[in-house]
Amino acid sequence: MVDLGYYTSEALTLLQALIGIPSISREEEAAADFLQNYIEESGIMTGRSGNNIWCISPMFDTNKPTILLNSHIDTVKPVNGWRKHPFTPKQDNGKLYGLGSNDAGASVVSLFQAYRYLSTTEQAYNLIFLASCEEEVSGKNGIESVLPQLPLIALGIVGEPTEMHPAVAEKGLMVLDVTAHGKSGHAARNEGENAIYKILPDIQWFQSHQFPNVSPLLGPVKMTVTQINAGTQHNVIPDTCTAVVDIRSNECYSNQELFEEISRHINCEVKARSFRLNSSSIPLDHPFIQRAVSLGRVAFGSPTLSDQALMNFPSVKIGPGKSSRSHTADEYVMIQEITEAIDLYIQILDGLVI
């Protein structure tokens, strides 16, 4: 019988400590130091690379598949509007307030408590717990740098606020820089080539084009022009105009495929900042998803990005809290959500065969 009261108390103690240690993306060293010491003081050996901390179940067997329990210790910077102090944990009316409490501290501590319990039991799989960094900025020193150092992973469980419903698909991200080249001249005379006018047809294409393959879980590919920059002063014809395009891909296309199709249709110069962050999905008949659904959870497609995009193995996003609370002033998680998360993680994973 799982003592949920004990594991919830342990999770809350750890989460309150982590809230009190600022861990903005790329500044997570103090939080990583604390977490590593906390884990080792509980008698568990750790590995570390940069500000990423992991532990591997002591009964590791190379003949068994390996499940990764992962969430991130970094946070965004505090937004304006906080009435409480973002780095001072505060419990009030069943809520725990603090920056990173919901995204994704509650997942970190819930997954770790589930790991503590499950790693002492005989399972048909190996278990790895990984608290990673730089998730909020998709940084190269985060999970992407750690995965090559770990054993082969058969399933990734990514802790993010989903109200403990499994996100079985997730949109990817590709950012494009589009540049139109013209020729400068005096605005009072009929001279030069206006780069703004040259980019307009391509902007209209991004607004109106629909990729034919629509995901039943994620919907269509979404393209949005989010930034435009041109000109130096009112009386000079701009010779350059740049636009930034935010593209949210579904699992029907890789980012490379989308880029090649876009390049065939627009006339301006276009460059992708990265192809790394592809959409991801897991089959609905995967044993983890089947067991989650049998426990009343509802599978869905997520429009938001996580470290799943950097995993080249099946993965699912599931964790306590609500996505709508992330990156907001007075961020909080319900204490009951942590209890439920520990319970559900253990119920789904205990005895699972993949």
Protein backbone atom coordinates (compact mmCIF):
# COMPACT_ATOMS: atom_id res chain seq x y z
CA MET A 1 0.00 0.00 0.00
CA VAL A 2 1.43 3.38 -1.05
CA ASP A 3 1.63 5.91 1.80
CA LEU A 4 0.46 8.94 -0.21
CA GLY A 5 0.54 11.19 2.84
CA TYR A 6 4.25 10.55 3.29
CA TYR A 7 5.13 10.98 -0.38
CA THR A 8 3.02 14.15 -0.66
CA SER A 9 4.73 15.64 2.39
CA GLU A 10 8.15 14.83 0.93
CA ALA A 11 7.14 16.31 -2.44
CA LEU A 12 5.87 19.54 -0.85
CA THR A 13 9.01 19.99 1.22
CA LEU A 14 11.17 19.61 -1.89
CA LEU A 15 8.98 21.83 -4.05
CA GLN A 16 8.96 24.65 -1.51
CA ALA A 17 12.75 24.48 -1.31
CA LEU A 18 13.08 24.60 -5.11
CA ILE A 19 10.71 27.59 -5.38
CA GLY A 20 12.99 29.43 -2.97
CA ILE A 21 16.01 28.98 -5.28
CA PRO A 22 15.78 31.13 -8.44
CA SER A 23 16.35 28.88 -11.46
CA ILE A 24 15.72 30.99 -14.53
CA SER A 25 16.69 29.17 -17.73
CA ARG A 26 20.50 28.95 -18.07
CA GLU A 27 20.83 29.99 -14.39
CA GLU A 28 19.85 26.70 -12.75
CA GLU A 29 23.12 25.77 -11.04
CA ALA A 30 22.01 26.51 -7.46
CA ALA A 31 18.76 24.59 -7.91
CA ALA A 32 20.63 21.69 -9.52
CA ASP A 33 23.13 21.63 -6.64
CA PHE A 34 20.33 21.54 -4.09
CA LEU A 35 18.38 18.83 -5.89
CA GLN A 36 21.45 16.64 -6.33
CA ASN A 37 22.27 16.93 -2.62
CA TYR A 38 18.65 16.21 -1.69
CA ILE A 39 18.56 13.06 -3.81
CA GLU A 40 21.92 11.80 -2.57
CA GLU A 41 20.97 12.47 1.07
CA SER A 42 17.99 10.16 0.52
CA GLY A 43 20.47 7.40 -0.34
CA ILE A 44 20.14 7.50 -4.13
CA MET A 45 23.18 7.81 -6.40
CA THR A 46 23.04 10.53 -9.05
CA GLY A 47 24.60 11.40 -12.37
CA ARG A 48 25.10 14.97 -13.48
CA SER A 49 25.89 16.80 -16.68
CA GLY A 50 25.85 20.58 -16.46
CA ASN A 51 22.67 21.44 -14.58
CA ASN A 52 20.93 18.17 -15.44
CA ILE A 53 20.53 15.60 -12.65
CA TRP A 54 19.49 11.96 -13.05
CA CYS A 55 19.30 8.68 -11.19
CA ILE A 56 18.95 5.12 -12.46
CA SER A 57 17.01 2.40 -10.67
CA PRO A 58 19.43 0.17 -8.72
CA MET A 59 18.06 -3.06 -10.22
CA PHE A 60 18.94 -1.97 -13.79
CA ASP A 61 18.78 -4.90 -16.20
CA THR A 62 19.96 -4.54 -19.80
CA ASN A 63 17.40 -7.15 -20.87
CA LYS A 64 14.51 -4.89 -19.82
CA PRO A 65 13.18 -1.78 -21.60
CA THR A 66 13.84 1.54 -19.90
CA ILE A 67 11.28 4.21 -18.99
CA LEU A 68 12.42 7.81 -18.52
CA LEU A 69 10.65 10.06 -16.01
CA ASN A 70 11.56 13.63 -16.95
CA SER A 71 10.65 17.18 -16.05
CA HIS A 72 12.52 20.47 -15.90
CA ILE A 73 13.89 22.60 -13.06
CA ASP A 74 14.21 25.87 -15.00
CA THR A 75 11.57 28.60 -15.06
CA VAL A 76 10.78 31.66 -17.12
CA LYS A 77 11.52 35.08 -15.64
CA PRO A 78 8.77 36.42 -13.34
CA VAL A 79 6.17 38.34 -15.34
CA ASN A 80 4.76 41.67 -14.21
CA GLY A 81 1.81 41.62 -11.86
CA TRP A 82 3.01 39.33 -9.07
CA ARG A 83 1.32 40.28 -5.79
CA LYS A 84 3.13 37.53 -3.90
CA HIS A 85 6.90 37.10 -4.00
CA PRO A 86 7.75 34.67 -6.83
CA PHE A 87 10.64 33.07 -4.92
CA THR A 88 8.89 32.78 -1.55
CA PRO A 89 6.69 29.66 -1.40
CA LYS A 90 3.35 30.33 0.25
CA GLN A 91 0.56 27.90 1.08
CA ASP A 92 -2.93 29.36 1.14
CA ASN A 93 -6.32 27.66 0.92
CA GLY A 94 -4.96 24.42 -0.50
CA LYS A 95 -2.69 26.15 -3.01
CA LEU A 96 1.08 26.45 -3.12
CA TYR A 97 2.18 29.71 -4.74
CA GLY A 98 5.57 30.41 -6.28
CA LEU A 99 7.39 30.73 -9.60
CA GLY A 100 7.72 27.30 -11.17
CA SER A 101 5.24 25.67 -8.77
CA ASN A 102 2.95 24.68 -11.64
CA ASP A 103 5.46 24.72 -14.51
CA ALA A 104 7.00 22.37 -13.80
CA GLY A 105 8.06 21.98 -10.17
CA ALA A 106 4.99 19.96 -9.23
CA SER A 107 5.87 17.48 -11.97
CA VAL A 108 9.52 17.29 -10.88
CA VAL A 109 8.69 16.43 -7.28
CA SER A 110 5.75 14.12 -8.12
CA LEU A 111 7.79 12.13 -10.64
CA PHE A 112 10.67 11.85 -8.19
CA GLN A 113 8.41 10.48 -5.44
CA ALA A 114 6.94 7.99 -7.92
CA TYR A 115 10.51 7.02 -8.86
CA ARG A 116 11.42 6.53 -5.18
CA TYR A 117 8.54 4.12 -4.72
CA LEU A 118 8.77 2.23 -8.00
CA SER A 119 12.56 1.81 -7.99
CA THR A 120 12.28 -0.29 -4.82
CA THR A 121 9.81 -2.70 -6.45
CA GLU A 122 10.25 -5.41 -9.05
CA GLN A 123 9.07 -4.15 -12.45
CA ALA A 124 9.25 -5.34 -16.05
CA TYR A 125 11.24 -2.23 -16.95
CA ASN A 126 14.15 -0.09 -15.79
CA LEU A 127 13.45 3.40 -14.51
CA ILE A 128 15.42 6.63 -14.89
CA PHE A 129 14.49 9.94 -13.25
CA LEU A 130 15.89 13.03 -14.98
CA ALA A 131 15.51 16.62 -13.84
CA SER A 132 16.70 18.66 -16.81
CA CYS A 133 17.46 22.31 -17.47
CA GLU A 134 16.94 24.90 -20.23
CA GLU A 135 13.53 23.49 -21.21
CA GLU A 136 11.88 26.90 -21.36
CA VAL A 137 14.38 28.07 -23.98
CA SER A 138 14.87 24.71 -25.76
CA GLY A 139 18.54 25.11 -24.91
CA LYS A 140 21.24 22.82 -26.23
CA ASN A 141 22.63 22.23 -22.71
CA GLY A 142 19.34 20.71 -21.54
CA ILE A 143 17.89 17.28 -22.21
CA GLU A 144 19.37 17.14 -25.72
CA SER A 145 22.86 17.03 -24.19
CA VAL A 146 21.94 14.33 -21.67
CA LEU A 147 20.09 11.70 -23.68
CA PRO A 148 23.25 10.40 -25.44
CA GLN A 149 24.73 9.70 -21.98
CA LEU A 150 21.79 7.55 -20.84
CA PRO A 151 20.84 3.96 -21.68
CA LEU A 152 18.48 3.42 -24.61
CA ILE A 153 15.01 4.72 -23.72
CA ALA A 154 11.84 2.83 -24.73
CA LEU A 155 9.33 5.36 -23.33
CA GLY A 156 9.56 8.93 -22.09
CA ILE A 157 7.12 10.37 -19.56
CA VAL A 158 7.38 14.16 -19.60
CA GLY A 159 6.05 16.03 -16.59
CA GLU A 160 4.20 19.18 -17.64
CA PRO A 161 0.91 20.64 -16.33
CA THR A 162 -1.81 18.66 -18.15
CA GLU A 163 -4.20 17.99 -15.21
CA MET A 164 -2.83 14.43 -15.40
CA HIS A 165 -4.42 13.77 -18.78
CA PRO A 166 -2.00 12.23 -21.30
CA ALA A 167 -0.97 14.45 -24.21
CA VAL A 168 -0.48 11.83 -26.92
CA ALA A 169 0.61 14.36 -29.55
CA GLU A 170 2.33 17.70 -29.37
CA LYS A 171 2.86 20.44 -31.91
CA GLY A 172 6.38 21.20 -33.02
CA LEU A 173 7.96 24.60 -33.62
CA MET A 174 9.98 26.12 -36.44
CA VAL A 175 10.90 29.81 -36.65
CA LEU A 176 11.64 31.31 -40.06
CA ASP A 177 13.44 34.52 -40.98
CA VAL A 178 12.12 35.87 -44.29
CA THR A 179 14.02 38.66 -46.07
CA ALA A 180 13.03 40.77 -49.05
CA HIS A 181 15.76 42.72 -50.83
CA GLY A 182 15.00 45.96 -52.66
CA LYS A 183 16.91 49.10 -53.58
CA SER A 184 17.05 52.31 -51.58
CA GLY A 185 16.03 55.66 -53.01
CA HIS A 186 14.40 58.97 -52.10
CA ALA A 187 10.71 58.61 -51.18
CA ALA A 188 9.88 61.89 -53.00
CA ARG A 189 11.05 60.57 -56.34
CA ASN A 190 10.07 57.55 -58.41
CA GLU A 191 13.19 55.55 -57.67
CA GLY A 192 14.36 52.48 -55.77
CA GLU A 193 12.59 49.20 -55.10
CA ASN A 194 10.53 49.09 -51.93
CA ALA A 195 11.37 45.90 -50.01
CA ILE A 196 8.15 46.19 -48.00
CA TYR A 197 6.06 45.86 -51.14
CA LYS A 198 8.15 42.91 -52.29
CA ILE A 199 7.51 40.95 -49.09
CA LEU A 200 3.73 41.54 -49.00
CA PRO A 201 2.74 38.67 -51.36
CA ASP A 202 4.70 36.23 -49.23
CA ILE A 203 3.09 37.51 -46.04
CA GLN A 204 -0.31 37.02 -47.64
CA TRP A 205 0.71 33.48 -48.62
CA PHE A 206 1.63 32.64 -45.02
CA GLN A 207 -1.74 34.01 -43.92
CA SER A 208 -3.85 32.07 -46.41
CA HIS A 209 -2.02 28.83 -47.22
CA GLN A 210 -3.37 25.61 -45.71
CA PHE A 211 -1.27 22.44 -45.66
CA PRO A 212 -3.54 19.55 -46.71
CA ASN A 213 -2.73 17.05 -43.95
CA VAL A 214 -4.74 17.88 -40.84
CA SER A 215 -4.10 15.97 -37.62
CA PRO A 216 -7.15 14.58 -35.78
CA LEU A 217 -5.40 15.47 -32.51
CA LEU A 218 -3.48 18.64 -33.33
CA GLY A 219 -5.42 20.14 -36.22
CA PRO A 220 -3.71 21.92 -39.11
CA VAL A 221 -0.21 23.33 -39.37
CA LYS A 222 -0.37 26.91 -38.08
CA MET A 223 1.75 29.68 -39.63
CA THR A 224 1.80 33.17 -38.11
CA VAL A 225 3.84 36.22 -39.11
CA THR A 226 4.79 37.69 -35.74
CA GLN A 227 7.44 40.35 -36.48
CA ILE A 228 8.18 42.75 -39.36
CA ASN A 229 11.05 45.20 -39.60
CA ALA A 230 12.01 47.65 -42.37
CA GLY A 231 13.14 51.18 -43.04
CA THR A 232 15.47 53.67 -41.45
CA GLN A 233 13.53 56.93 -41.86
CA HIS A 234 10.36 58.28 -43.46
CA ASN A 235 11.91 59.64 -46.65
CA VAL A 236 14.08 56.68 -47.63
CA ILE A 237 12.79 53.74 -49.66
CA PRO A 238 13.67 50.64 -47.58
CA ASP A 239 16.05 48.27 -49.34
CA THR A 240 15.48 45.43 -46.87
CA CYS A 241 12.39 44.11 -45.12
CA THR A 242 12.49 41.17 -42.72
CA ALA A 243 9.69 39.11 -41.21
CA VAL A 244 9.65 36.40 -38.58
CA VAL A 245 7.22 33.51 -39.03
CA ASP A 246 6.17 31.22 -36.17
CA ILE A 247 5.22 27.75 -37.47
CA ARG A 248 3.52 25.14 -35.30
CA SER A 249 3.77 21.78 -37.02
CA ASN A 250 1.60 18.71 -36.57
CA GLU A 251 2.79 15.10 -36.64
CA CYS A 252 1.90 14.78 -40.34
CA TYR A 253 5.00 16.75 -41.39
CA SER A 254 8.58 17.12 -40.28
CA ASN A 255 9.90 20.65 -40.01
CA GLN A 256 12.26 19.91 -42.89
CA GLU A 257 9.32 18.89 -45.11
CA LEU A 258 7.42 22.06 -44.23
CA PHE A 259 10.47 24.20 -44.96
CA GLU A 260 10.96 22.63 -48.38
CA GLU A 261 7.31 23.22 -49.29
CA ILE A 262 7.42 26.82 -48.07
CA SER A 263 10.61 27.47 -50.05
CA ARG A 264 8.85 26.36 -53.24
CA HIS A 265 6.02 28.85 -52.77
CA ILE A 266 7.55 32.11 -51.59
CA ASN A 267 9.83 34.45 -53.52
CA CYS A 268 11.81 36.03 -50.70
CA GLU A 269 14.90 34.63 -49.04
CA VAL A 270 13.95 32.28 -46.20
CA LYS A 271 16.04 30.66 -43.48
CA ALA A 272 15.00 28.32 -40.66
CA ARG A 273 16.58 28.99 -37.29
CA SER A 274 16.37 25.26 -36.49
CA PHE A 275 14.70 22.03 -37.55
CA ARG A 276 15.18 20.45 -34.09
CA LEU A 277 11.74 20.91 -32.56
CA ASN A 278 9.51 18.53 -34.46
CA SER A 279 6.00 17.46 -33.58
CA SER A 280 5.71 14.22 -31.62
CA SER A 281 3.04 11.56 -31.09
CA ILE A 282 2.49 8.16 -29.48
CA PRO A 283 -0.02 5.52 -30.62
CA LEU A 284 -3.31 5.45 -28.73
CA ASP A 285 -2.91 1.70 -28.24
CA HIS A 286 0.40 2.08 -26.37
CA PRO A 287 0.14 0.21 -23.03
CA PHE A 288 0.84 3.39 -21.01
CA ILE A 289 -1.96 5.28 -22.77
CA GLN A 290 -4.33 2.33 -22.48
CA ARG A 291 -3.76 2.09 -18.75
CA ALA A 292 -4.14 5.86 -18.26
CA VAL A 293 -7.44 5.82 -20.15
CA SER A 294 -8.65 2.86 -18.08
CA LEU A 295 -8.10 5.06 -15.00
CA GLY A 296 -10.36 7.78 -16.36
CA ARG A 297 -7.74 9.92 -18.06
CA VAL A 298 -8.54 11.52 -21.45
CA ALA A 299 -5.96 11.49 -24.27
CA PHE A 300 -5.55 14.81 -26.11
CA GLY A 301 -3.29 16.74 -28.46
CA SER A 302 -1.25 19.59 -26.99
CA PRO A 303 -0.54 22.87 -28.83
CA THR A 304 2.35 23.77 -26.50
CA LEU A 305 5.97 22.73 -26.88
CA SER A 306 8.02 20.68 -24.41
CA ASP A 307 11.20 18.61 -24.35
CA GLN A 308 9.24 15.84 -26.10
CA ALA A 309 10.32 17.59 -29.30
CA LEU A 310 13.90 16.50 -28.58
CA MET A 311 13.09 12.84 -27.84
CA ASN A 312 13.61 10.32 -30.64
CA PHE A 313 11.57 7.63 -28.85
CA PRO A 314 7.88 7.29 -27.91
CA SER A 315 6.86 9.80 -25.26
CA VAL A 316 3.80 11.16 -23.50
CA LYS A 317 3.30 14.45 -21.67
CA ILE A 318 1.40 14.12 -18.38
CA GLY A 319 1.66 16.02 -15.11
CA PRO A 320 -0.12 17.88 -12.31
CA GLY A 321 -1.38 21.45 -12.64
CA LYS A 322 -3.00 23.40 -15.46
CA SER A 323 -1.23 24.78 -18.51
CA SER A 324 -3.20 28.03 -18.24
CA ARG A 325 -1.39 28.85 -14.96
CA SER A 326 2.07 28.62 -16.54
CA HIS A 327 4.05 31.83 -17.07
CA THR A 328 1.45 33.88 -15.14
CA ALA A 329 1.64 36.16 -12.10
CA ASP A 330 0.94 34.43 -8.78
CA GLU A 331 1.50 31.00 -10.32
CA TYR A 332 0.30 28.17 -8.11
CA VAL A 333 -0.42 24.45 -7.93
CA MET A 334 -3.09 22.76 -5.82
CA ILE A 335 -1.57 20.56 -3.12
CA GLN A 336 -4.21 17.95 -3.88
CA GLU A 337 -2.99 17.88 -7.49
CA ILE A 338 0.42 16.71 -6.28
CA THR A 339 -1.13 13.91 -4.22
CA GLU A 340 -3.25 12.81 -7.18
CA ALA A 341 -0.24 12.96 -9.52
CA ILE A 342 1.93 10.72 -7.34
CA ASP A 343 -0.96 8.28 -7.01
CA LEU A 344 -1.72 8.22 -10.74
CA TYR A 345 1.91 7.92 -11.83
CA ILE A 346 2.28 4.90 -9.56
CA GLN A 347 -1.05 3.36 -10.58
CA ILE A 348 -0.19 3.63 -14.28
CA LEU A 349 3.41 2.46 -13.95
CA ASP A 350 3.19 -0.24 -11.28
CA GLY A 351 3.11 -3.54 -13.16
CA LEU A 352 3.16 -1.89 -16.60
CA VAL A 353 4.54 -4.00 -19.45
CA ILE A 354 5.74 -2.15 -22.56
